[in-house]
Amino acid sequence: MRALVFAMLACIAPFLTLPCSGAPAREPLPLKPFTYVEDFEEPRQMVVWATNGKQEIHFSGVTEEKAFSGKRSYKLDVTIREGAYHYFGIRLPRVPCEGELKLSGRLWVEALPQGARAGLGYNIILPPSQHSGCAAVETIDRPTPEWKAVSGDLVAAGKQTATGVIGRHTAEMDGSEVAPFLELWSVPIWATAGQRITLYVDDVRIEGRVPDADAFAAAAQERFTAARERTARRIAGWRARLDEATKALRGVPAQEGWARGSWNRRRPA
């Protein structure tokens, strides 16, 4: 019996560990200039789009108290009541995180208790999947006496998000089979209950050269569909091999010392 089991495992194991063929090489799409600038000279409103707690918002809106450029900036004055992370953001028409794309802005952090952090961040969606990921391009962990420049590479962020999220949440796929899109930019705050944070943000820019959004999504859909088909074929192969193994087991005659559902070993008298 043991020899039979080992023989069956030897038959099945190579198939189960067969490496995935992976996505085919990608042809680069044409790039075109992209520019987004938010200077807050017109009324704008951030929303709390991701949090694991509650906040008391003392002020959230455009103000003339400080400005890096022009006459206005955006002020956030909040006290954390519950939870550890709180993302305030502004949504955009989706922007491909491909080619060349940079997020930058200016932060003036007036009040930031010890242990709290704030920054400039993003949320990246990964169609055709339903997954997404968020992070900061840069964080600040103490008050600043002036405007501080913060920036980061959104193409690198998109690749990192796709690799980490798709690799963790899907089988037989990797980050190359989805299309990272910037969904929104954000001001994330990490703090504990009772901490009050006051900051200003201004001159938020998203600039670079990116492919057409529809073409980028369509190319990803083709890769994603091909990956799903590969996975389906592999699962069908597993099932066929397991069916063969099941039939082989059914044909094995009962052995002395075996009982259905248990192993009865004869003990010496």
Foldseek 3Di string as FASTA:
>chain_A
DVVLVVVLCVVQVVLVPPAFPAFDDDDDFDWDKDKDKDFQPDKDFWDFDDFPADKDWPDWIWDQPDGPDDRIWTKTKIATAAGFKTKIWDWDDWAFLDDWKKKKWKKAWAFADAPKKKAKKFKKAWPPDRDIDIDHQDMDRGGDPDIDMGMHTSNVVQQVGQQVPCVVPHPQHGSVLTIIITTIMIIMMGDHHGGIIMMIIGTIMMIDIGHDPVVRHVVSVVRNVVSVVSVVVSVVVSVVSVVVVVVVVVPDDDDPQDDPPDGHDDDDD
